[in-house]
Amino acid sequence: MTETPIPLVRRGEHVLVTGGHGFIGSHLVEALAAAGRRITVLDPADPPPDLAVPAGTVRHVRGDVRDAELVRREITADTALIIHLSSLVGVDQYLYDPLDVIDIAVTGTRAVLDATRDAGAKLVLASTSEVYGRNPDTPWSEDSDRVLGPTTADRWSYSTSKAAAEHMTFAHARRYGTRATVLRYFNVYGPRQRPAYVVSNTVHRLLRGEPPLLYDRGDQTRCFTYIRDAVEATLAVAASSETEGLVLNVGNERESTIAEIVRAVGAAVGSSVEPIRLDTDSAFGKVYEDIPRRVPDTSRIAGLLGWRATTPVEQGLVETVAWARANDWWTGQSAGERNERGAAR
């Protein structure tokens, strides 16, 4: 897919993007602005320095999605679409501040849902493959069971909070007729991602002359989805009434080990530096639990919309590295920066 029309949001109609200054959000904002949409971004963080949007297309509102009055003011009668991305994302966030991870997902989503209902708009809710937990039966379809560890492990706070947000969304739809679709993203990577994830952290460290990190043996598997593919899927869902009331996996079905990805990033950078192995038991203790495999079944979204991820990982990594080399503001920051509340996606 190279271009996605958005017929349910006519040119000039209003779109609200919560968390629109974050990783996925900023790329969606650029795509919506290029398509002529009038956009409000609700985010506590500043926009990324390289955000490229036509003048006058985006209104930036600094605020917390948990502020129900603010959300209600920004979702107006002419708002056609809300893309709700605000959340605290990343294992570092789950371990450091699980209370805010939960509160933003639950309280913020309820505020967005109520305002969406009152405006008669459509909602696209960003969820996560983390919802499935550590279910060993892969690939995961949207109806697969959730298998989680104990509540004493902060690792599961994000999964649980996003599942609660999904429950609220579908309950809202049944009770009030709110039009909504839930998207479960699988390991999205690409330009602007905070350098706290496998791909972004490895790119970041290598470009700074530091050896990459490899958690444990690196034999965990993931399916990495390039940001361009994730944006195309999101906009296709926004354009479709057939997806309302559904949850959809958004991911690349190609499975790679973490060790393979670290090596592939090294090849894209032109580095053969050996990684430093990090023992997660020693580093994080019992509050952290890893997931051995994470593989999506994307047949539902393919059947409804004809969408599949098409960007090979090797190509996505080359594009990501090229962008990183050209953006000193990103390579110069630390992995913990841009952690403003609700802005991490």
C-alpha atoms as a PDB file:
ATOM      1  CA  MET A   1       0.000   0.000   0.000  1.00  0.00           C
ATOM      2  CA  THR A   2       1.454   3.379  -0.969  1.00  0.00           C
ATOM      3  CA  GLU A   3      -1.394   5.790  -0.306  1.00  0.00           C
ATOM      4  CA  THR A   4      -4.408   5.411   1.956  1.00  0.00           C
ATOM      5  CA  PRO A   5      -7.555   7.500   1.385  1.00  0.00           C
ATOM      6  CA  ILE A   6      -9.553   8.590   4.417  1.00  0.00           C
ATOM      7  CA  PRO A   7     -13.124   8.913   3.096  1.00  0.00           C
ATOM      8  CA  LEU A   8     -14.716   8.937   6.556  1.00  0.00           C
ATOM      9  CA  VAL A   9     -12.765  12.087   7.345  1.00  0.00           C
ATOM     10  CA  ARG A  10     -13.443  14.619   4.610  1.00  0.00           C
ATOM     11  CA  ARG A  11     -10.824  17.178   3.702  1.00  0.00           C
ATOM     12  CA  GLY A  12     -10.781  19.972   6.267  1.00  0.00           C
ATOM     13  CA  GLU A  13     -12.639  18.034   8.960  1.00  0.00           C
ATOM     14  CA  HIS A  14     -11.155  17.921  12.409  1.00  0.00           C
ATOM     15  CA  VAL A  15      -8.979  15.078  13.722  1.00  0.00           C
ATOM     16  CA  LEU A  16      -7.689  14.883  17.300  1.00  0.00           C
ATOM     17  CA  VAL A  17      -4.541  12.870  17.962  1.00  0.00           C
ATOM     18  CA  THR A  18      -3.662  12.276  21.606  1.00  0.00           C
ATOM     19  CA  GLY A  19       0.032  11.598  22.075  1.00  0.00           C
ATOM     20  CA  GLY A  20       0.607  13.055  18.618  1.00  0.00           C
ATOM     21  CA  HIS A  21       4.112  14.241  19.448  1.00  0.00           C
ATOM     22  CA  GLY A  22       5.292  10.729  20.261  1.00  0.00           C
ATOM     23  CA  PHE A  23       6.756   8.148  17.928  1.00  0.00           C
ATOM     24  CA  ILE A  24       3.742   6.663  16.134  1.00  0.00           C
ATOM     25  CA  GLY A  25       1.672   9.780  16.728  1.00  0.00           C
ATOM     26  CA  SER A  26       4.042  12.203  15.015  1.00  0.00           C
ATOM     27  CA  HIS A  27       4.175  10.063  11.862  1.00  0.00           C
ATOM     28  CA  LEU A  28       0.370   9.822  11.814  1.00  0.00           C
ATOM     29  CA  VAL A  29       0.085  13.585  12.221  1.00  0.00           C
ATOM     30  CA  GLU A  30       2.366  14.118   9.233  1.00  0.00           C
ATOM     31  CA  ALA A  31       0.310  11.729   7.097  1.00  0.00           C
ATOM     32  CA  LEU A  32      -2.991  13.311   8.127  1.00  0.00           C
ATOM     33  CA  ALA A  33      -1.661  16.825   7.534  1.00  0.00           C
ATOM     34  CA  ALA A  34      -0.373  15.849   4.094  1.00  0.00           C
ATOM     35  CA  ALA A  35      -3.887  14.591   3.308  1.00  0.00           C
ATOM     36  CA  GLY A  36      -5.349  17.996   4.156  1.00  0.00           C
ATOM     37  CA  ARG A  37      -6.855  17.199   7.535  1.00  0.00           C
ATOM     38  CA  ARG A  38      -7.218  19.837  10.234  1.00  0.00           C
ATOM     39  CA  ILE A  39      -5.502  18.388  13.275  1.00  0.00           C
ATOM     40  CA  THR A  40      -5.279  19.035  16.984  1.00  0.00           C
ATOM     41  CA  VAL A  41      -2.513  17.281  18.884  1.00  0.00           C
ATOM     42  CA  LEU A  42      -3.073  16.847  22.615  1.00  0.00           C
ATOM     43  CA  ASP A  43       0.243  16.002  24.243  1.00  0.00           C
ATOM     44  CA  PRO A  44       2.213  17.144  27.315  1.00  0.00           C
ATOM     45  CA  ALA A  45       5.446  17.110  25.294  1.00  0.00           C
ATOM     46  CA  ASP A  46       6.802  19.395  22.594  1.00  0.00           C
ATOM     47  CA  PRO A  47       6.648  18.229  18.971  1.00  0.00           C
ATOM     48  CA  PRO A  48       9.772  16.519  17.618  1.00  0.00           C
ATOM     49  CA  PRO A  49      12.167  19.017  16.010  1.00  0.00           C
ATOM     50  CA  ASP A  50      11.834  17.428  12.563  1.00  0.00           C
ATOM     51  CA  LEU A  51       8.023  17.255  12.465  1.00  0.00           C
ATOM     52  CA  ALA A  52       7.127  18.154   8.884  1.00  0.00           C
ATOM     53  CA  VAL A  53       3.583  19.493   8.449  1.00  0.00           C
ATOM     54  CA  PRO A  54       2.159  22.255   6.231  1.00  0.00           C
ATOM     55  CA  ALA A  55       1.747  25.562   8.013  1.00  0.00           C
ATOM     56  CA  GLY A  56      -1.629  26.008   9.654  1.00  0.00           C
ATOM     57  CA  THR A  57      -2.660  22.347   9.544  1.00  0.00           C
ATOM     58  CA  VAL A  58      -1.791  21.382  13.126  1.00  0.00           C
ATOM     59  CA  ARG A  59      -2.794  22.965  16.402  1.00  0.00           C
ATOM     60  CA  HIS A  60      -0.654  21.892  19.343  1.00  0.00           C
ATOM     61  CA  VAL A  61      -2.284  21.717  22.769  1.00  0.00           C
ATOM     62  CA  ARG A  62      -0.065  20.953  25.741  1.00  0.00           C
ATOM     63  CA  GLY A  63      -2.059  18.907  28.215  1.00  0.00           C
ATOM     64  CA  ASP A  64      -2.724  15.638  29.998  1.00  0.00           C
ATOM     65  CA  VAL A  65      -5.238  13.216  28.497  1.00  0.00           C
ATOM     66  CA  ARG A  66      -6.507  12.506  32.019  1.00  0.00           C
ATOM     67  CA  ASP A  67      -7.900  16.060  32.175  1.00  0.00           C
ATOM     68  CA  ALA A  68     -11.489  15.241  31.188  1.00  0.00           C
ATOM     69  CA  GLU A  69     -12.532  18.897  30.842  1.00  0.00           C
ATOM     70  CA  LEU A  70      -9.621  19.628  28.517  1.00  0.00           C
ATOM     71  CA  VAL A  71     -10.360  16.538  26.413  1.00  0.00           C
ATOM     72  CA  ARG A  72     -14.020  17.532  26.150  1.00  0.00           C
ATOM     73  CA  ARG A  73     -13.073  21.043  25.002  1.00  0.00           C
ATOM     74  CA  GLU A  74     -10.784  19.724  22.274  1.00  0.00           C
ATOM     75  CA  ILE A  75     -13.193  17.094  20.902  1.00  0.00           C
ATOM     76  CA  THR A  76     -15.706  19.405  19.288  1.00  0.00           C
ATOM     77  CA  ALA A  77     -18.897  18.964  17.285  1.00  0.00           C
ATOM     78  CA  ASP A  78     -16.909  19.001  14.023  1.00  0.00           C
ATOM     79  CA  THR A  79     -14.386  16.393  15.206  1.00  0.00           C
ATOM     80  CA  ALA A  80     -14.706  13.418  12.877  1.00  0.00           C
ATOM     81  CA  LEU A  81     -11.929  11.190  14.175  1.00  0.00           C
ATOM     82  CA  ILE A  82      -9.936  10.673  17.349  1.00  0.00           C
ATOM     83  CA  ILE A  83      -6.743   8.618  17.288  1.00  0.00           C
ATOM     84  CA  HIS A  84      -5.931   7.888  20.915  1.00  0.00           C
ATOM     85  CA  LEU A  85      -2.245   7.083  21.377  1.00  0.00           C
ATOM     86  CA  SER A  86      -1.392   8.674  24.734  1.00  0.00           C
ATOM     87  CA  SER A  87       0.364   6.231  27.027  1.00  0.00           C
ATOM     88  CA  LEU A  88       3.596   5.517  28.831  1.00  0.00           C
ATOM     89  CA  VAL A  89       5.347   2.839  26.776  1.00  0.00           C
ATOM     90  CA  GLY A  90       8.519   0.857  27.310  1.00  0.00           C
ATOM     91  CA  VAL A  91       9.801  -1.640  29.841  1.00  0.00           C
ATOM     92  CA  ASP A  92      11.712   1.154  31.592  1.00  0.00           C
ATOM     93  CA  GLN A  93       8.396   2.939  32.148  1.00  0.00           C
ATOM     94  CA  TYR A  94       6.617  -0.183  33.401  1.00  0.00           C
ATOM     95  CA  LEU A  95       9.342  -0.751  35.975  1.00  0.00           C
ATOM     96  CA  TYR A  96       9.843   2.904  36.982  1.00  0.00           C
ATOM     97  CA  ASP A  97       6.292   4.253  37.161  1.00  0.00           C
ATOM     98  CA  PRO A  98       3.618   1.542  36.850  1.00  0.00           C
ATOM     99  CA  LEU A  99       1.066   3.763  38.625  1.00  0.00           C
ATOM    100  CA  ASP A 100       1.133   6.364  35.855  1.00  0.00           C
ATOM    101  CA  VAL A 101       1.268   3.634  33.201  1.00  0.00           C
ATOM    102  CA  ILE A 102      -2.048   2.333  34.537  1.00  0.00           C
ATOM    103  CA  ASP A 103      -3.646   5.696  35.274  1.00  0.00           C
ATOM    104  CA  ILE A 104      -2.979   7.222  31.860  1.00  0.00           C
ATOM    105  CA  ALA A 105      -4.321   4.159  30.056  1.00  0.00           C
ATOM    106  CA  VAL A 106      -7.448   3.838  32.186  1.00  0.00           C
ATOM    107  CA  THR A 107      -8.373   7.382  33.252  1.00  0.00           C
ATOM    108  CA  GLY A 108      -7.255   8.938  29.982  1.00  0.00           C
ATOM    109  CA  THR A 109      -9.138   6.437  27.842  1.00  0.00           C
ATOM    110  CA  ARG A 110     -12.360   6.957  29.803  1.00  0.00           C
ATOM    111  CA  ALA A 111     -12.089  10.718  29.271  1.00  0.00           C
ATOM    112  CA  VAL A 112     -11.544  10.227  25.545  1.00  0.00           C
ATOM    113  CA  LEU A 113     -14.397   7.717  25.234  1.00  0.00           C
ATOM    114  CA  ASP A 114     -16.953   9.965  26.906  1.00  0.00           C
ATOM    115  CA  ALA A 115     -16.005  12.953  24.764  1.00  0.00           C
ATOM    116  CA  THR A 116     -15.986  10.816  21.608  1.00  0.00           C
ATOM    117  CA  ARG A 117     -19.511   9.599  22.345  1.00  0.00           C
ATOM    118  CA  ASP A 118     -20.811  13.116  22.914  1.00  0.00           C
ATOM    119  CA  ALA A 119     -19.254  14.396  19.686  1.00  0.00           C
ATOM    120  CA  GLY A 120     -20.498  11.444  17.612  1.00  0.00           C
ATOM    121  CA  ALA A 121     -16.965  10.930  16.329  1.00  0.00           C
ATOM    122  CA  LYS A 122     -15.022   7.763  15.517  1.00  0.00           C
ATOM    123  CA  LEU A 123     -12.264   6.484  17.790  1.00  0.00           C
ATOM    124  CA  VAL A 124      -9.169   4.474  16.898  1.00  0.00           C
ATOM    125  CA  LEU A 125      -7.590   3.213  20.130  1.00  0.00           C
ATOM    126  CA  ALA A 126      -3.930   2.233  20.143  1.00  0.00           C
ATOM    127  CA  SER A 127      -3.352  -0.949  22.102  1.00  0.00           C
ATOM    128  CA  THR A 128      -0.490  -3.413  22.129  1.00  0.00           C
ATOM    129  CA  SER A 129       0.680  -6.951  21.552  1.00  0.00           C
ATOM    130  CA  GLU A 130       1.573  -6.887  25.256  1.00  0.00           C
ATOM    131  CA  VAL A 131      -2.115  -7.634  25.870  1.00  0.00           C
ATOM    132  CA  TYR A 132      -1.469 -11.290  24.990  1.00  0.00           C
ATOM    133  CA  GLY A 133       1.153 -11.570  27.712  1.00  0.00           C
ATOM    134  CA  ARG A 134       3.233 -14.714  27.480  1.00  0.00           C
ATOM    135  CA  ASN A 135       0.712 -16.984  25.771  1.00  0.00           C
ATOM    136  CA  PRO A 136       2.931 -19.738  24.300  1.00  0.00           C
ATOM    137  CA  ASP A 137       0.479 -20.590  21.512  1.00  0.00           C
ATOM    138  CA  THR A 138       1.655 -18.397  18.640  1.00  0.00           C
ATOM    139  CA  PRO A 139       0.791 -16.850  16.276  1.00  0.00           C
ATOM    140  CA  TRP A 140      -1.720 -14.818  18.256  1.00  0.00           C
ATOM    141  CA  SER A 141      -5.089 -14.079  16.717  1.00  0.00           C
ATOM    142  CA  GLU A 142      -7.209 -11.285  18.134  1.00  0.00           C
ATOM    143  CA  ASP A 143      -9.223 -13.866  20.104  1.00  0.00           C
ATOM    144  CA  SER A 144      -6.221 -15.632  21.634  1.00  0.00           C
ATOM    145  CA  ASP A 145      -6.129 -16.015  25.398  1.00  0.00           C
ATOM    146  CA  ARG A 146      -4.236 -13.589  27.588  1.00  0.00           C
ATOM    147  CA  VAL A 147      -1.585 -15.297  29.733  1.00  0.00           C
ATOM    148  CA  LEU A 148       0.068 -13.039  32.284  1.00  0.00           C
ATOM    149  CA  GLY A 149       2.446 -13.319  35.186  1.00  0.00           C
ATOM    150  CA  PRO A 150       1.718 -12.252  38.771  1.00  0.00           C
ATOM    151  CA  THR A 151       0.585  -8.754  39.720  1.00  0.00           C
ATOM    152  CA  THR A 152       3.724  -8.423  41.842  1.00  0.00           C
ATOM    153  CA  ALA A 153       5.690  -8.194  38.558  1.00  0.00           C
ATOM    154  CA  ASP A 154       5.439  -4.609  37.309  1.00  0.00           C
ATOM    155  CA  ARG A 155       6.206  -5.974  33.843  1.00  0.00           C
ATOM    156  CA  TRP A 156       2.506  -6.710  33.372  1.00  0.00           C
ATOM    157  CA  SER A 157       1.136  -3.296  34.356  1.00  0.00           C
ATOM    158  CA  TYR A 158       1.085  -2.026  30.765  1.00  0.00           C
ATOM    159  CA  SER A 159      -0.549  -5.175  29.412  1.00  0.00           C
ATOM    160  CA  THR A 160      -3.219  -5.066  32.102  1.00  0.00           C
ATOM    161  CA  SER A 161      -3.931  -1.355  31.720  1.00  0.00           C
ATOM    162  CA  LYS A 162      -4.241  -1.574  27.947  1.00  0.00           C
ATOM    163  CA  ALA A 163      -6.552  -4.576  28.269  1.00  0.00           C
ATOM    164  CA  ALA A 164      -8.699  -2.531  30.683  1.00  0.00           C
ATOM    165  CA  ALA A 165      -8.787   0.294  28.123  1.00  0.00           C
ATOM    166  CA  GLU A 166      -9.952  -2.201  25.486  1.00  0.00           C
ATOM    167  CA  HIS A 167     -12.667  -3.518  27.825  1.00  0.00           C
ATOM    168  CA  MET A 168     -13.887   0.040  28.418  1.00  0.00           C
ATOM    169  CA  THR A 169     -13.897   0.765  24.703  1.00  0.00           C
ATOM    170  CA  PHE A 170     -16.045  -2.227  23.787  1.00  0.00           C
ATOM    171  CA  ALA A 171     -18.332  -1.688  26.789  1.00  0.00           C
ATOM    172  CA  HIS A 172     -18.762   1.930  25.706  1.00  0.00           C
ATOM    173  CA  ALA A 173     -19.579   0.809  22.172  1.00  0.00           C
ATOM    174  CA  ARG A 174     -22.236  -1.623  23.376  1.00  0.00           C
ATOM    175  CA  ARG A 175     -23.803   0.770  25.861  1.00  0.00           C
ATOM    176  CA  TYR A 176     -23.652   4.032  23.934  1.00  0.00           C
ATOM    177  CA  GLY A 177     -23.043   3.038  20.333  1.00  0.00           C
ATOM    178  CA  THR A 178     -19.617   4.681  20.307  1.00  0.00           C
ATOM    179  CA  ARG A 179     -17.858   3.902  17.023  1.00  0.00           C
ATOM    180  CA  ALA A 180     -14.442   2.496  17.842  1.00  0.00           C
ATOM    181  CA  THR A 181     -11.700   0.180  16.625  1.00  0.00           C
ATOM    182  CA  VAL A 182      -8.803  -1.159  18.695  1.00  0.00           C
ATOM    183  CA  LEU A 183      -5.381  -1.727  17.124  1.00  0.00           C
ATOM    184  CA  ARG A 184      -2.792  -3.972  18.732  1.00  0.00           C
ATOM    185  CA  TYR A 185       0.610  -2.874  17.420  1.00  0.00           C
ATOM    186  CA  PHE A 186       3.482  -5.365  17.278  1.00  0.00           C
ATOM    187  CA  ASN A 187       6.986  -3.980  17.875  1.00  0.00           C
ATOM    188  CA  VAL A 188       6.803  -0.891  15.707  1.00  0.00           C
ATOM    189  CA  TYR A 189      10.191   0.731  14.996  1.00  0.00           C
ATOM    190  CA  GLY A 190      11.597   3.535  12.880  1.00  0.00           C
ATOM    191  CA  PRO A 191      12.647   7.200  12.934  1.00  0.00           C
ATOM    192  CA  ARG A 192      11.920   9.212  16.126  1.00  0.00           C
ATOM    193  CA  GLN A 193      11.407   6.213  18.381  1.00  0.00           C
ATOM    194  CA  ARG A 194      12.749   6.869  21.864  1.00  0.00           C
ATOM    195  CA  PRO A 195      16.089   5.024  22.159  1.00  0.00           C
ATOM    196  CA  ALA A 196      14.825   2.590  24.785  1.00  0.00           C
ATOM    197  CA  TYR A 197      13.732  -0.297  22.540  1.00  0.00           C
ATOM    198  CA  VAL A 198      15.653  -3.035  20.772  1.00  0.00           C
ATOM    199  CA  VAL A 199      16.047  -1.345  17.391  1.00  0.00           C
ATOM    200  CA  SER A 200      16.200   2.270  18.511  1.00  0.00           C
ATOM    201  CA  ASN A 201      18.544   1.592  21.426  1.00  0.00           C
ATOM    202  CA  THR A 202      20.911  -0.458  19.257  1.00  0.00           C
ATOM    203  CA  VAL A 203      21.001   2.257  16.556  1.00  0.00           C
ATOM    204  CA  HIS A 204      21.489   4.927  19.194  1.00  0.00           C
ATOM    205  CA  ARG A 205      24.340   3.163  20.973  1.00  0.00           C
ATOM    206  CA  LEU A 206      26.221   2.218  17.828  1.00  0.00           C
ATOM    207  CA  LEU A 207      26.037   5.727  16.378  1.00  0.00           C
ATOM    208  CA  ARG A 208      27.394   7.072  19.668  1.00  0.00           C
ATOM    209  CA  GLY A 209      30.291   4.627  19.550  1.00  0.00           C
ATOM    210  CA  GLU A 210      28.887   2.408  22.298  1.00  0.00           C
ATOM    211  CA  PRO A 211      28.446  -1.373  22.088  1.00  0.00           C
ATOM    212  CA  PRO A 212      24.842  -2.570  21.790  1.00  0.00           C
ATOM    213  CA  LEU A 213      23.030  -4.398  24.573  1.00  0.00           C
ATOM    214  CA  LEU A 214      21.732  -7.943  24.270  1.00  0.00           C
ATOM    215  CA  TYR A 215      19.241  -9.050  26.892  1.00  0.00           C
ATOM    216  CA  ASP A 216      20.048 -12.549  28.153  1.00  0.00           C
ATOM    217  CA  ARG A 217      20.844 -14.925  25.267  1.00  0.00           C
ATOM    218  CA  GLY A 218      18.971 -12.917  22.635  1.00  0.00           C
ATOM    219  CA  ASP A 219      16.911 -15.910  21.547  1.00  0.00           C
ATOM    220  CA  GLN A 220      13.599 -14.197  22.273  1.00  0.00           C
ATOM    221  CA  THR A 221      11.668 -13.594  19.054  1.00  0.00           C
ATOM    222  CA  ARG A 222       9.694 -10.589  17.881  1.00  0.00           C
ATOM    223  CA  CYS A 223       8.029  -9.434  14.661  1.00  0.00           C
ATOM    224  CA  PHE A 224       9.243  -5.932  13.865  1.00  0.00           C
ATOM    225  CA  THR A 225       6.869  -3.574  12.055  1.00  0.00           C
ATOM    226  CA  TYR A 226       8.190  -0.500  10.258  1.00  0.00           C
ATOM    227  CA  ILE A 227       6.481   2.763  11.144  1.00  0.00           C
ATOM    228  CA  ARG A 228       5.327   3.420   7.568  1.00  0.00           C
ATOM    229  CA  ASP A 229       3.401   0.147   7.554  1.00  0.00           C
ATOM    230  CA  ALA A 230       1.856   0.891  10.950  1.00  0.00           C
ATOM    231  CA  VAL A 231       0.705   4.323   9.754  1.00  0.00           C
ATOM    232  CA  GLU A 232      -0.837   2.845   6.595  1.00  0.00           C
ATOM    233  CA  ALA A 233      -2.750   0.292   8.667  1.00  0.00           C
ATOM    234  CA  THR A 234      -4.002   2.947  11.078  1.00  0.00           C
ATOM    235  CA  LEU A 235      -5.242   5.243   8.330  1.00  0.00           C
ATOM    236  CA  ALA A 236      -6.892   2.347   6.502  1.00  0.00           C
ATOM    237  CA  VAL A 237      -8.777   1.483   9.688  1.00  0.00           C
ATOM    238  CA  ALA A 238      -9.773   5.117  10.174  1.00  0.00           C
ATOM    239  CA  ALA A 239     -11.266   5.052   6.690  1.00  0.00           C
ATOM    240  CA  SER A 240     -13.301   1.889   7.166  1.00  0.00           C
ATOM    241  CA  SER A 241     -16.688   1.436   8.799  1.00  0.00           C
ATOM    242  CA  GLU A 242     -16.206  -2.353   8.532  1.00  0.00           C
ATOM    243  CA  THR A 243     -13.592  -2.305  11.276  1.00  0.00           C
ATOM    244  CA  GLU A 244     -15.780  -0.614  13.885  1.00  0.00           C
ATOM    245  CA  GLY A 245     -16.374  -2.729  16.962  1.00  0.00           C
ATOM    246  CA  LEU A 246     -13.304  -4.882  16.251  1.00  0.00           C
ATOM    247  CA  VAL A 247      -9.804  -5.400  17.561  1.00  0.00           C
ATOM    248  CA  LEU A 248      -7.112  -5.834  14.908  1.00  0.00           C
ATOM    249  CA  ASN A 249      -3.502  -6.957  15.039  1.00  0.00           C
ATOM    250  CA  VAL A 250      -1.088  -4.631  13.237  1.00  0.00           C
ATOM    251  CA  GLY A 251       2.248  -6.296  12.702  1.00  0.00           C
ATOM    252  CA  ASN A 252       4.793  -7.926  10.467  1.00  0.00           C
ATOM    253  CA  GLU A 253       4.493 -11.714  10.507  1.00  0.00           C
ATOM    254  CA  ARG A 254       8.226 -12.281   9.926  1.00  0.00           C
ATOM    255  CA  GLU A 255       9.774 -13.597  13.144  1.00  0.00           C
ATOM    256  CA  SER A 256      13.326 -12.656  14.154  1.00  0.00           C
ATOM    257  CA  THR A 257      15.387 -13.307  17.242  1.00  0.00           C
ATOM    258  CA  ILE A 258      16.628 -10.303  19.188  1.00  0.00           C
ATOM    259  CA  ALA A 259      20.202 -11.385  18.469  1.00  0.00           C
ATOM    260  CA  GLU A 260      19.455 -11.386  14.725  1.00  0.00           C
ATOM    261  CA  ILE A 261      18.023  -7.871  14.932  1.00  0.00           C
ATOM    262  CA  VAL A 262      21.017  -6.553  16.860  1.00  0.00           C
ATOM    263  CA  ARG A 263      23.297  -7.982  14.167  1.00  0.00           C
ATOM    264  CA  ALA A 264      21.109  -6.552  11.395  1.00  0.00           C
ATOM    265  CA  VAL A 265      21.260  -3.091  12.956  1.00  0.00           C
ATOM    266  CA  GLY A 266      25.035  -3.437  13.140  1.00  0.00           C
ATOM    267  CA  ALA A 267      25.109  -4.259   9.431  1.00  0.00           C
ATOM    268  CA  ALA A 268      22.944  -1.218   8.633  1.00  0.00           C
ATOM    269  CA  VAL A 269      25.243   1.020  10.672  1.00  0.00           C
ATOM    270  CA  GLY A 270      28.390  -0.646   9.312  1.00  0.00           C
ATOM    271  CA  SER A 271      29.561  -1.887  12.687  1.00  0.00           C
ATOM    272  CA  SER A 272      30.687  -5.302  13.860  1.00  0.00           C
ATOM    273  CA  VAL A 273      31.013  -4.386  17.552  1.00  0.00           C
ATOM    274  CA  GLU A 274      30.025  -7.284  19.772  1.00  0.00           C
ATOM    275  CA  PRO A 275      27.082  -6.630  22.108  1.00  0.00           C
ATOM    276  CA  ILE A 276      27.260  -6.475  25.882  1.00  0.00           C
ATOM    277  CA  ARG A 277      25.112  -9.195  27.388  1.00  0.00           C
ATOM    278  CA  LEU A 278      22.688  -8.023  30.069  1.00  0.00           C
ATOM    279  CA  ASP A 279      21.322 -10.545  32.554  1.00  0.00           C
ATOM    280  CA  THR A 280      17.751  -9.389  33.232  1.00  0.00           C
ATOM    281  CA  ASP A 281      17.458 -11.308  36.496  1.00  0.00           C
ATOM    282  CA  SER A 282      20.406  -9.409  37.903  1.00  0.00           C
ATOM    283  CA  ALA A 283      19.495  -6.071  36.319  1.00  0.00           C
ATOM    284  CA  PHE A 284      15.751  -5.942  37.046  1.00  0.00           C
ATOM    285  CA  GLY A 285      14.875  -8.697  39.504  1.00  0.00           C
ATOM    286  CA  LYS A 286      11.443 -10.244  39.925  1.00  0.00           C
ATOM    287  CA  VAL A 287       9.527  -7.158  38.759  1.00  0.00           C
ATOM    288  CA  TYR A 288      10.550  -8.015  35.193  1.00  0.00           C
ATOM    289  CA  GLU A 289       9.567 -11.039  33.101  1.00  0.00           C
ATOM    290  CA  ASP A 290      10.424 -11.476  29.435  1.00  0.00           C
ATOM    291  CA  ILE A 291       8.222 -12.937  26.694  1.00  0.00           C
ATOM    292  CA  PRO A 292       9.862 -15.767  24.691  1.00  0.00           C
ATOM    293  CA  ARG A 293       7.879 -15.300  21.449  1.00  0.00           C
ATOM    294  CA  ARG A 294       5.600 -12.618  20.057  1.00  0.00           C
ATOM    295  CA  VAL A 295       4.058 -13.382  16.661  1.00  0.00           C
ATOM    296  CA  PRO A 296       0.846 -11.883  15.208  1.00  0.00           C
ATOM    297  CA  ASP A 297      -1.822 -13.439  13.055  1.00  0.00           C
ATOM    298  CA  THR A 298      -2.786 -10.552  10.763  1.00  0.00           C
ATOM    299  CA  SER A 299      -5.352 -12.410   8.662  1.00  0.00           C
ATOM    300  CA  ARG A 300      -8.250 -10.361  10.059  1.00  0.00           C
ATOM    301  CA  ILE A 301      -6.972  -6.958   8.936  1.00  0.00           C
ATOM    302  CA  ALA A 302      -5.738  -8.490   5.670  1.00  0.00           C
ATOM    303  CA  GLY A 303      -9.168  -9.961   4.969  1.00  0.00           C
ATOM    304  CA  LEU A 304     -11.032  -6.749   5.788  1.00  0.00           C
ATOM    305  CA  LEU A 305      -8.718  -4.135   4.309  1.00  0.00           C
ATOM    306  CA  GLY A 306      -6.127  -5.986   2.240  1.00  0.00           C
ATOM    307  CA  TRP A 307      -3.400  -4.663   4.511  1.00  0.00           C
ATOM    308  CA  ARG A 308      -0.173  -6.476   5.239  1.00  0.00           C
ATOM    309  CA  ALA A 309       3.182  -5.136   6.381  1.00  0.00           C
ATOM    310  CA  THR A 310       5.370  -4.893   3.285  1.00  0.00           C
ATOM    311  CA  THR A 311       8.613  -3.250   4.435  1.00  0.00           C
ATOM    312  CA  PRO A 312      11.436  -5.781   4.863  1.00  0.00           C
ATOM    313  CA  VAL A 313      13.244  -5.387   8.172  1.00  0.00           C
ATOM    314  CA  GLU A 314      16.555  -4.793   6.390  1.00  0.00           C
ATOM    315  CA  GLN A 315      15.056  -1.871   4.445  1.00  0.00           C
ATOM    316  CA  GLY A 316      13.416  -0.392   7.506  1.00  0.00           C
ATOM    317  CA  LEU A 317      16.673  -0.537   9.433  1.00  0.00           C
ATOM    318  CA  VAL A 318      18.616   1.181   6.639  1.00  0.00           C
ATOM    319  CA  GLU A 319      16.022   3.991   6.542  1.00  0.00           C
ATOM    320  CA  THR A 320      16.050   4.297  10.326  1.00  0.00           C
ATOM    321  CA  VAL A 321      19.839   4.531  10.486  1.00  0.00           C
ATOM    322  CA  ALA A 322      19.930   7.105   7.672  1.00  0.00           C
ATOM    323  CA  TRP A 323      17.389   9.246   9.529  1.00  0.00           C
ATOM    324  CA  ALA A 324      19.290   8.928  12.813  1.00  0.00           C
ATOM    325  CA  ARG A 325      22.555  10.031  11.190  1.00  0.00           C
ATOM    326  CA  ALA A 326      20.796  13.135   9.875  1.00  0.00           C
ATOM    327  CA  ASN A 327      19.172  14.105  13.196  1.00  0.00           C
ATOM    328  CA  ASP A 328      21.702  15.050  15.840  1.00  0.00           C
ATOM    329  CA  TRP A 329      18.938  16.018  18.263  1.00  0.00           C
ATOM    330  CA  TRP A 330      17.998  12.333  18.484  1.00  0.00           C
ATOM    331  CA  THR A 331      21.464  10.796  18.657  1.00  0.00           C
ATOM    332  CA  GLY A 332      22.426  13.387  21.258  1.00  0.00           C
ATOM    333  CA  GLN A 333      19.648  12.555  23.689  1.00  0.00           C
ATOM    334  CA  SER A 334      19.735   9.894  26.367  1.00  0.00           C
ATOM    335  CA  ALA A 335      17.503   6.826  26.304  1.00  0.00           C
ATOM    336  CA  GLY A 336      15.373   8.258  29.104  1.00  0.00           C
ATOM    337  CA  GLU A 337      14.522  11.575  27.472  1.00  0.00           C
ATOM    338  CA  ARG A 338      11.076  12.535  26.107  1.00  0.00           C
ATOM    339  CA  ASN A 339       9.407  10.662  28.945  1.00  0.00           C
ATOM    340  CA  GLU A 340       6.848  13.370  29.566  1.00  0.00           C
ATOM    341  CA  ARG A 341       3.685  11.843  30.935  1.00  0.00           C
ATOM    342  CA  GLY A 342       1.463  10.400  28.248  1.00  0.00           C
ATOM    343  CA  ALA A 343       3.852  11.168  25.385  1.00  0.00           C
ATOM    344  CA  ALA A 344       5.795   7.988  25.014  1.00  0.00           C
ATOM    345  CA  ARG A 345       4.057   6.189  22.171  1.00  0.00           C
END
